[in-house]
Amino acid sequence: MAQKEVSKRDNIMKWVKFISFGFVLFGGLMWLIIGIFNVDIIGGIFGGSGSGFSRLVYSLIGISSVILLTTMLMKVFNNEKKATRVAKATK
């Protein structure tokens, strides 16, 4: 039963990472368009960059970047711990 729960949790995290990646990619492209053409598409669609829905989209993009950053750092630190354990074991 525990194996099934771990699998379900891993599946949910895969979807969270996938959606976060989509938001971060979308946000990066929006910044590219703002930088090159000085056009805020999100603000233009939803009534300005200060509107509630625009702020929600911007917040989701920011939260997504934090999620991806933390998962990336956790993976890096876990690999460093494994490498340290392997190095100690081979001595």
PDB file of N, CA and C in Angstrom:
ATOM      1  N   MET A   1       0.821  -1.203   0.000  1.00  0.00           N
ATOM      2  CA  MET A   1       0.000   0.000   0.000  1.00  0.00           C
ATOM      3  C   MET A   1       0.863   1.264   0.000  1.00  0.00           C
ATOM      4  N   ALA A   2       1.977   1.237   0.745  1.00  0.00           N
ATOM      5  CA  ALA A   2       2.854   2.401   0.811  1.00  0.00           C
ATOM      6  C   ALA A   2       3.466   2.706  -0.552  1.00  0.00           C
ATOM      7  N   GLN A   3       3.767   1.656  -1.310  1.00  0.00           N
ATOM      8  CA  GLN A   3       4.341   1.847  -2.648  1.00  0.00           C
ATOM      9  C   GLN A   3       3.370   2.607  -3.547  1.00  0.00           C
ATOM     10  N   LYS A   4       2.078   2.308  -3.425  1.00  0.00           N
ATOM     11  CA  LYS A   4       1.069   2.972  -4.238  1.00  0.00           C
ATOM     12  C   LYS A   4       0.980   4.451  -3.870  1.00  0.00           C
ATOM     13  N   GLU A   5       1.059   4.786  -2.568  1.00  0.00           N
ATOM     14  CA  GLU A   5       1.013   6.168  -2.121  1.00  0.00           C
ATOM     15  C   GLU A   5       2.218   6.943  -2.629  1.00  0.00           C
ATOM     16  N   VAL A   6       3.382   6.354  -2.574  1.00  0.00           N
ATOM     17  CA  VAL A   6       4.588   7.021  -3.073  1.00  0.00           C
ATOM     18  C   VAL A   6       4.449   7.267  -4.568  1.00  0.00           C
ATOM     19  N   SER A   7       3.940   6.290  -5.276  1.00  0.00           N
ATOM     20  CA  SER A   7       3.766   6.427  -6.709  1.00  0.00           C
ATOM     21  C   SER A   7       2.774   7.547  -7.035  1.00  0.00           C
ATOM     22  N   LYS A   8       1.684   7.633  -6.273  1.00  0.00           N
ATOM     23  CA  LYS A   8       0.684   8.675  -6.495  1.00  0.00           C
ATOM     24  C   LYS A   8       1.286  10.050  -6.215  1.00  0.00           C
ATOM     25  N   ARG A   9       2.064  10.150  -5.122  1.00  0.00           N
ATOM     26  CA  ARG A   9       2.701  11.420  -4.776  1.00  0.00           C
ATOM     27  C   ARG A   9       3.715  11.814  -5.840  1.00  0.00           C
ATOM     28  N   ASP A  10       4.500  10.861  -6.331  1.00  0.00           N
ATOM     29  CA  ASP A  10       5.456  11.154  -7.386  1.00  0.00           C
ATOM     30  C   ASP A  10       4.754  11.611  -8.653  1.00  0.00           C
ATOM     31  N   ASN A  11       3.618  10.997  -8.961  1.00  0.00           N
ATOM     32  CA  ASN A  11       2.865  11.376 -10.145  1.00  0.00           C
ATOM     33  C   ASN A  11       2.343  12.812 -10.016  1.00  0.00           C
ATOM     34  N   ILE A  12       1.853  13.166  -8.831  1.00  0.00           N
ATOM     35  CA  ILE A  12       1.372  14.535  -8.607  1.00  0.00           C
ATOM     36  C   ILE A  12       2.525  15.525  -8.746  1.00  0.00           C
ATOM     37  N   MET A  13       3.681  15.193  -8.169  1.00  0.00           N
ATOM     38  CA  MET A  13       4.833  16.096  -8.273  1.00  0.00           C
ATOM     39  C   MET A  13       5.306  16.250  -9.715  1.00  0.00           C
ATOM     40  N   LYS A  14       5.215  15.188 -10.502  1.00  0.00           N
ATOM     41  CA  LYS A  14       5.579  15.301 -11.917  1.00  0.00           C
ATOM     42  C   LYS A  14       4.677  16.295 -12.620  1.00  0.00           C
ATOM     43  N   TRP A  15       3.372  16.238 -12.314  1.00  0.00           N
ATOM     44  CA  TRP A  15       2.447  17.187 -12.932  1.00  0.00           C
ATOM     45  C   TRP A  15       2.694  18.613 -12.449  1.00  0.00           C
ATOM     46  N   VAL A  16       2.981  18.773 -11.161  1.00  0.00           N
ATOM     47  CA  VAL A  16       3.279  20.108 -10.626  1.00  0.00           C
ATOM     48  C   VAL A  16       4.501  20.682 -11.328  1.00  0.00           C
ATOM     49  N   LYS A  17       5.547  19.873 -11.489  1.00  0.00           N
ATOM     50  CA  LYS A  17       6.759  20.334 -12.178  1.00  0.00           C
ATOM     51  C   LYS A  17       6.474  20.650 -13.637  1.00  0.00           C
ATOM     52  N   PHE A  18       5.668  19.818 -14.290  1.00  0.00           N
ATOM     53  CA  PHE A  18       5.334  20.033 -15.698  1.00  0.00           C
ATOM     54  C   PHE A  18       4.571  21.344 -15.881  1.00  0.00           C
ATOM     55  N   ILE A  19       3.577  21.579 -15.032  1.00  0.00           N
ATOM     56  CA  ILE A  19       2.796  22.820 -15.115  1.00  0.00           C
ATOM     57  C   ILE A  19       3.668  24.018 -14.758  1.00  0.00           C
ATOM     58  N   SER A  20       4.513  23.871 -13.744  1.00  0.00           N
ATOM     59  CA  SER A  20       5.429  24.954 -13.357  1.00  0.00           C
ATOM     60  C   SER A  20       6.369  25.298 -14.504  1.00  0.00           C
ATOM     61  N   PHE A  21       6.876  24.265 -15.165  1.00  0.00           N
ATOM     62  CA  PHE A  21       7.761  24.510 -16.309  1.00  0.00           C
ATOM     63  C   PHE A  21       7.019  25.288 -17.391  1.00  0.00           C
ATOM     64  N   GLY A  22       5.769  24.941 -17.632  1.00  0.00           N
ATOM     65  CA  GLY A  22       4.973  25.664 -18.632  1.00  0.00           C
ATOM     66  C   GLY A  22       4.800  27.126 -18.272  1.00  0.00           C
ATOM     67  N   PHE A  23       4.491  27.404 -16.994  1.00  0.00           N
ATOM     68  CA  PHE A  23       4.345  28.793 -16.557  1.00  0.00           C
ATOM     69  C   PHE A  23       5.664  29.557 -16.681  1.00  0.00           C
ATOM     70  N   VAL A  24       6.762  28.938 -16.287  1.00  0.00           N
ATOM     71  CA  VAL A  24       8.058  29.614 -16.361  1.00  0.00           C
ATOM     72  C   VAL A  24       8.448  29.865 -17.825  1.00  0.00           C
ATOM     73  N   LEU A  25       8.201  28.907 -18.678  1.00  0.00           N
ATOM     74  CA  LEU A  25       8.475  29.093 -20.104  1.00  0.00           C
ATOM     75  C   LEU A  25       7.623  30.222 -20.670  1.00  0.00           C
ATOM     76  N   PHE A  26       6.343  30.230 -20.336  1.00  0.00           N
ATOM     77  CA  PHE A  26       5.434  31.286 -20.776  1.00  0.00           C
ATOM     78  C   PHE A  26       5.906  32.646 -20.255  1.00  0.00           C
ATOM     79  N   GLY A  27       6.288  32.692 -18.973  1.00  0.00           N
ATOM     80  CA  GLY A  27       6.767  33.951 -18.395  1.00  0.00           C
ATOM     81  C   GLY A  27       8.040  34.445 -19.058  1.00  0.00           C
ATOM     82  N   GLY A  28       8.941  33.520 -19.365  1.00  0.00           N
ATOM     83  CA  GLY A  28      10.176  33.918 -20.055  1.00  0.00           C
ATOM     84  C   GLY A  28       9.902  34.481 -21.433  1.00  0.00           C
ATOM     85  N   LEU A  29       8.975  33.863 -22.141  1.00  0.00           N
ATOM     86  CA  LEU A  29       8.609  34.370 -23.466  1.00  0.00           C
ATOM     87  C   LEU A  29       7.933  35.743 -23.365  1.00  0.00           C
ATOM     88  N   MET A  30       7.124  35.923 -22.324  1.00  0.00           N
ATOM     89  CA  MET A  30       6.482  37.233 -22.132  1.00  0.00           C
ATOM     90  C   MET A  30       7.536  38.312 -21.856  1.00  0.00           C
ATOM     91  N   TRP A  31       8.543  37.985 -21.051  1.00  0.00           N
ATOM     92  CA  TRP A  31       9.614  38.956 -20.796  1.00  0.00           C
ATOM     93  C   TRP A  31      10.399  39.246 -22.071  1.00  0.00           C
ATOM     94  N   LEU A  32      10.586  38.249 -22.911  1.00  0.00           N
ATOM     95  CA  LEU A  32      11.253  38.469 -24.193  1.00  0.00           C
ATOM     96  C   LEU A  32      10.458  39.449 -25.050  1.00  0.00           C
ATOM     97  N   ILE A  33       9.146  39.266 -25.107  1.00  0.00           N
ATOM     98  CA  ILE A  33       8.293  40.157 -25.898  1.00  0.00           C
ATOM     99  C   ILE A  33       8.287  41.557 -25.306  1.00  0.00           C
ATOM    100  N   ILE A  34       8.260  41.651 -23.973  1.00  0.00           N
ATOM    101  CA  ILE A  34       8.309  42.970 -23.335  1.00  0.00           C
ATOM    102  C   ILE A  34       9.642  43.643 -23.638  1.00  0.00           C
ATOM    103  N   GLY A  35      10.738  42.884 -23.549  1.00  0.00           N
ATOM    104  CA  GLY A  35      12.057  43.461 -23.786  1.00  0.00           C
ATOM    105  C   GLY A  35      12.274  43.906 -25.226  1.00  0.00           C
ATOM    106  N   ILE A  36      11.813  43.120 -26.177  1.00  0.00           N
ATOM    107  CA  ILE A  36      12.062  43.443 -27.581  1.00  0.00           C
ATOM    108  C   ILE A  36      11.044  44.440 -28.119  1.00  0.00           C
ATOM    109  N   PHE A  37       9.763  44.195 -27.845  1.00  0.00           N
ATOM    110  CA  PHE A  37       8.707  45.000 -28.464  1.00  0.00           C
ATOM    111  C   PHE A  37       8.023  45.968 -27.517  1.00  0.00           C
ATOM    112  N   ASN A  38       8.376  45.933 -26.225  1.00  0.00           N
ATOM    113  CA  ASN A  38       7.768  46.790 -25.210  1.00  0.00           C
ATOM    114  C   ASN A  38       6.246  46.631 -25.181  1.00  0.00           C
ATOM    115  N   VAL A  39       5.792  45.370 -25.278  1.00  0.00           N
ATOM    116  CA  VAL A  39       4.369  45.062 -25.268  1.00  0.00           C
ATOM    117  C   VAL A  39       4.104  44.054 -24.151  1.00  0.00           C
ATOM    118  N   ASP A  40       3.197  44.406 -23.247  1.00  0.00           N
ATOM    119  CA  ASP A  40       2.800  43.502 -22.163  1.00  0.00           C
ATOM    120  C   ASP A  40       1.517  42.800 -22.588  1.00  0.00           C
ATOM    121  N   ILE A  41       1.656  41.583 -23.096  1.00  0.00           N
ATOM    122  CA  ILE A  41       0.503  40.853 -23.613  1.00  0.00           C
ATOM    123  C   ILE A  41      -0.472  40.497 -22.489  1.00  0.00           C
ATOM    124  N   ILE A  42       0.039  40.050 -21.361  1.00  0.00           N
ATOM    125  CA  ILE A  42      -0.839  39.669 -20.249  1.00  0.00           C
ATOM    126  C   ILE A  42      -1.622  40.884 -19.767  1.00  0.00           C
ATOM    127  N   GLY A  43      -0.928  41.981 -19.576  1.00  0.00           N
ATOM    128  CA  GLY A  43      -1.609  43.210 -19.171  1.00  0.00           C
ATOM    129  C   GLY A  43      -2.593  43.689 -20.216  1.00  0.00           C
ATOM    130  N   GLY A  44      -2.237  43.545 -21.483  1.00  0.00           N
ATOM    131  CA  GLY A  44      -3.134  43.964 -22.565  1.00  0.00           C
ATOM    132  C   GLY A  44      -4.401  43.134 -22.626  1.00  0.00           C
ATOM    133  N   ILE A  45      -4.269  41.849 -22.376  1.00  0.00           N
ATOM    134  CA  ILE A  45      -5.434  40.966 -22.442  1.00  0.00           C
ATOM    135  C   ILE A  45      -6.351  41.155 -21.237  1.00  0.00           C
ATOM    136  N   PHE A  46      -5.758  41.315 -20.054  1.00  0.00           N
ATOM    137  CA  PHE A  46      -6.555  41.306 -18.827  1.00  0.00           C
ATOM    138  C   PHE A  46      -6.741  42.683 -18.209  1.00  0.00           C
ATOM    139  N   GLY A  47      -6.556  43.740 -18.951  1.00  0.00           N
ATOM    140  CA  GLY A  47      -6.892  45.072 -18.449  1.00  0.00           C
ATOM    141  C   GLY A  47      -5.799  45.774 -17.684  1.00  0.00           C
ATOM    142  N   GLY A  48      -4.574  45.631 -18.085  1.00  0.00           N
ATOM    143  CA  GLY A  48      -3.465  46.318 -17.446  1.00  0.00           C
ATOM    144  C   GLY A  48      -2.706  45.420 -16.497  1.00  0.00           C
ATOM    145  N   SER A  49      -1.458  45.793 -16.263  1.00  0.00           N
ATOM    146  CA  SER A  49      -0.607  44.948 -15.419  1.00  0.00           C
ATOM    147  C   SER A  49      -1.008  45.000 -13.953  1.00  0.00           C
ATOM    148  N   GLY A  50      -1.826  45.962 -13.563  1.00  0.00           N
ATOM    149  CA  GLY A  50      -2.266  46.067 -12.176  1.00  0.00           C
ATOM    150  C   GLY A  50      -3.592  45.388 -11.893  1.00  0.00           C
ATOM    151  N   SER A  51      -4.235  44.847 -12.925  1.00  0.00           N
ATOM    152  CA  SER A  51      -5.537  44.202 -12.703  1.00  0.00           C
ATOM    153  C   SER A  51      -5.347  42.919 -11.898  1.00  0.00           C
ATOM    154  N   GLY A  52      -6.412  42.483 -11.267  1.00  0.00           N
ATOM    155  CA  GLY A  52      -6.343  41.316 -10.394  1.00  0.00           C
ATOM    156  C   GLY A  52      -5.919  40.053 -11.119  1.00  0.00           C
ATOM    157  N   PHE A  53      -6.480  39.809 -12.302  1.00  0.00           N
ATOM    158  CA  PHE A  53      -6.147  38.581 -13.006  1.00  0.00           C
ATOM    159  C   PHE A  53      -4.715  38.612 -13.538  1.00  0.00           C
ATOM    160  N   SER A  54      -4.258  39.777 -14.002  1.00  0.00           N
ATOM    161  CA  SER A  54      -2.866  39.889 -14.445  1.00  0.00           C
ATOM    162  C   SER A  54      -1.917  39.611 -13.297  1.00  0.00           C
ATOM    163  N   ARG A  55      -2.218  40.154 -12.136  1.00  0.00           N
ATOM    164  CA  ARG A  55      -1.377  39.908 -10.964  1.00  0.00           C
ATOM    165  C   ARG A  55      -1.392  38.436 -10.569  1.00  0.00           C
ATOM    166  N   LEU A  56      -2.542  37.770 -10.750  1.00  0.00           N
ATOM    167  CA  LEU A  56      -2.628  36.344 -10.471  1.00  0.00           C
ATOM    168  C   LEU A  56      -1.718  35.560 -11.415  1.00  0.00           C
ATOM    169  N   VAL A  57      -1.750  35.895 -12.696  1.00  0.00           N
ATOM    170  CA  VAL A  57      -0.895  35.208 -13.671  1.00  0.00           C
ATOM    171  C   VAL A  57       0.575  35.446 -13.346  1.00  0.00           C
ATOM    172  N   TYR A  58       0.923  36.699 -13.043  1.00  0.00           N
ATOM    173  CA  TYR A  58       2.312  37.001 -12.689  1.00  0.00           C
ATOM    174  C   TYR A  58       2.723  36.225 -11.428  1.00  0.00           C
ATOM    175  N   SER A  59       1.825  36.128 -10.453  1.00  0.00           N
ATOM    176  CA  SER A  59       2.126  35.395  -9.221  1.00  0.00           C
ATOM    177  C   SER A  59       2.318  33.908  -9.496  1.00  0.00           C
ATOM    178  N   LEU A  60       1.485  33.325 -10.360  1.00  0.00           N
ATOM    179  CA  LEU A  60       1.636  31.914 -10.704  1.00  0.00           C
ATOM    180  C   LEU A  60       2.975  31.653 -11.390  1.00  0.00           C
ATOM    181  N   ILE A  61       3.398  32.579 -12.224  1.00  0.00           N
ATOM    182  CA  ILE A  61       4.700  32.436 -12.884  1.00  0.00           C
ATOM    183  C   ILE A  61       5.819  32.495 -11.845  1.00  0.00           C
ATOM    184  N   GLY A  62       5.718  33.418 -10.898  1.00  0.00           N
ATOM    185  CA  GLY A  62       6.732  33.521  -9.848  1.00  0.00           C
ATOM    186  C   GLY A  62       6.764  32.305  -8.941  1.00  0.00           C
ATOM    187  N   ILE A  63       5.596  31.822  -8.541  1.00  0.00           N
ATOM    188  CA  ILE A  63       5.519  30.626  -7.694  1.00  0.00           C
ATOM    189  C   ILE A  63       6.100  29.428  -8.438  1.00  0.00           C
ATOM    190  N   SER A  64       5.808  29.339  -9.725  1.00  0.00           N
ATOM    191  CA  SER A  64       6.336  28.232 -10.531  1.00  0.00           C
ATOM    192  C   SER A  64       7.853  28.262 -10.572  1.00  0.00           C
ATOM    193  N   SER A  65       8.425  29.452 -10.672  1.00  0.00           N
ATOM    194  CA  SER A  65       9.889  29.533 -10.705  1.00  0.00           C
ATOM    195  C   SER A  65      10.486  29.104  -9.364  1.00  0.00           C
ATOM    196  N   VAL A  66       9.822  29.434  -8.263  1.00  0.00           N
ATOM    197  CA  VAL A  66      10.302  29.013  -6.939  1.00  0.00           C
ATOM    198  C   VAL A  66      10.217  27.491  -6.808  1.00  0.00           C
ATOM    199  N   ILE A  67       9.132  26.898  -7.296  1.00  0.00           N
ATOM    200  CA  ILE A  67       8.974  25.438  -7.244  1.00  0.00           C
ATOM    201  C   ILE A  67      10.099  24.767  -8.024  1.00  0.00           C
ATOM    202  N   LEU A  68      10.351  25.240  -9.243  1.00  0.00           N
ATOM    203  CA  LEU A  68      11.400  24.624 -10.051  1.00  0.00           C
ATOM    204  C   LEU A  68      12.783  24.832  -9.448  1.00  0.00           C
ATOM    205  N   LEU A  69      13.014  26.006  -8.870  1.00  0.00           N
ATOM    206  CA  LEU A  69      14.300  26.274  -8.237  1.00  0.00           C
ATOM    207  C   LEU A  69      14.528  25.346  -7.050  1.00  0.00           C
ATOM    208  N   THR A  70      13.512  25.177  -6.204  1.00  0.00           N
ATOM    209  CA  THR A  70      13.691  24.318  -5.038  1.00  0.00           C
ATOM    210  C   THR A  70      13.867  22.854  -5.435  1.00  0.00           C
ATOM    211  N   THR A  71      13.112  22.388  -6.425  1.00  0.00           N
ATOM    212  CA  THR A  71      13.288  20.997  -6.849  1.00  0.00           C
ATOM    213  C   THR A  71      14.659  20.778  -7.477  1.00  0.00           C
ATOM    214  N   MET A  72      15.141  21.771  -8.208  1.00  0.00           N
ATOM    215  CA  MET A  72      16.470  21.649  -8.799  1.00  0.00           C
ATOM    216  C   MET A  72      17.546  21.628  -7.713  1.00  0.00           C
ATOM    217  N   LEU A  73      17.432  22.510  -6.732  1.00  0.00           N
ATOM    218  CA  LEU A  73      18.424  22.551  -5.656  1.00  0.00           C
ATOM    219  C   LEU A  73      18.375  21.295  -4.806  1.00  0.00           C
ATOM    220  N   MET A  74      17.178  20.764  -4.559  1.00  0.00           N
ATOM    221  CA  MET A  74      17.071  19.520  -3.804  1.00  0.00           C
ATOM    222  C   MET A  74      17.759  18.383  -4.548  1.00  0.00           C
ATOM    223  N   LYS A  75      17.594  18.340  -5.857  1.00  0.00           N
ATOM    224  CA  LYS A  75      18.231  17.293  -6.647  1.00  0.00           C
ATOM    225  C   LYS A  75      19.751  17.436  -6.597  1.00  0.00           C
ATOM    226  N   VAL A  76      20.249  18.662  -6.689  1.00  0.00           N
ATOM    227  CA  VAL A  76      21.696  18.900  -6.641  1.00  0.00           C
ATOM    228  C   VAL A  76      22.260  18.475  -5.290  1.00  0.00           C
ATOM    229  N   PHE A  77      21.608  18.897  -4.200  1.00  0.00           N
ATOM    230  CA  PHE A  77      22.117  18.560  -2.871  1.00  0.00           C
ATOM    231  C   PHE A  77      22.001  17.074  -2.586  1.00  0.00           C
ATOM    232  N   ASN A  78      20.949  16.427  -3.055  1.00  0.00           N
ATOM    233  CA  ASN A  78      20.830  14.982  -2.865  1.00  0.00           C
ATOM    234  C   ASN A  78      21.923  14.235  -3.614  1.00  0.00           C
ATOM    235  N   ASN A  79      22.255  14.685  -4.809  1.00  0.00           N
ATOM    236  CA  ASN A  79      23.340  14.054  -5.568  1.00  0.00           C
ATOM    237  C   ASN A  79      24.690  14.263  -4.883  1.00  0.00           C
ATOM    238  N   GLU A  80      24.890  15.446  -4.279  1.00  0.00           N
ATOM    239  CA  GLU A  80      26.138  15.694  -3.556  1.00  0.00           C
ATOM    240  C   GLU A  80      26.246  14.779  -2.335  1.00  0.00           C
ATOM    241  N   LYS A  81      25.137  14.572  -1.628  1.00  0.00           N
ATOM    242  CA  LYS A  81      25.151  13.679  -0.469  1.00  0.00           C
ATOM    243  C   LYS A  81      25.466  12.256  -0.897  1.00  0.00           C
ATOM    244  N   LYS A  82      24.865  11.810  -1.995  1.00  0.00           N
ATOM    245  CA  LYS A  82      25.130  10.465  -2.496  1.00  0.00           C
ATOM    246  C   LYS A  82      26.584  10.319  -2.907  1.00  0.00           C
ATOM    247  N   ALA A  83      27.135  11.345  -3.556  1.00  0.00           N
ATOM    248  CA  ALA A  83      28.525  11.285  -3.999  1.00  0.00           C
ATOM    249  C   ALA A  83      29.458  11.230  -2.796  1.00  0.00           C
ATOM    250  N   THR A  84      29.134  11.963  -1.735  1.00  0.00           N
ATOM    251  CA  THR A  84      29.950  11.951  -0.521  1.00  0.00           C
ATOM    252  C   THR A  84      29.891  10.575   0.140  1.00  0.00           C
ATOM    253  N   ARG A  85      28.700   9.981   0.193  1.00  0.00           N
ATOM    254  CA  ARG A  85      28.568   8.643   0.784  1.00  0.00           C
ATOM    255  C   ARG A  85      29.337   7.610  -0.023  1.00  0.00           C
ATOM    256  N   VAL A  86      29.297   7.713  -1.340  1.00  0.00           N
ATOM    257  CA  VAL A  86      30.001   6.762  -2.181  1.00  0.00           C
ATOM    258  C   VAL A  86      31.512   6.931  -2.006  1.00  0.00           C
ATOM    259  N   ALA A  87      31.976   8.190  -1.925  1.00  0.00           N
ATOM    260  CA  ALA A  87      33.403   8.445  -1.749  1.00  0.00           C
ATOM    261  C   ALA A  87      33.896   7.895  -0.401  1.00  0.00           C
ATOM    262  N   LYS A  88      33.079   8.061   0.645  1.00  0.00           N
ATOM    263  CA  LYS A  88      33.476   7.527   1.956  1.00  0.00           C
ATOM    264  C   LYS A  88      33.475   6.012   1.945  1.00  0.00           C
ATOM    265  N   ALA A  89      32.532   5.429   1.233  1.00  0.00           N
ATOM    266  CA  ALA A  89      32.426   3.961   1.194  1.00  0.00           C
ATOM    267  C   ALA A  89      33.592   3.328   0.419  1.00  0.00           C
ATOM    268  N   THR A  90      34.132   4.029  -0.565  1.00  0.00           N
ATOM    269  CA  THR A  90      35.209   3.466  -1.364  1.00  0.00           C
ATOM    270  C   THR A  90      36.566   3.653  -0.716  1.00  0.00           C
ATOM    271  N   LYS A  91      36.663   4.454   0.322  1.00  0.00           N
ATOM    272  CA  LYS A  91      37.955   4.673   0.986  1.00  0.00           C
ATOM    273  C   LYS A  91      38.356   3.520   1.816  1.00  0.00           C
TER     274      LYS A  91
END
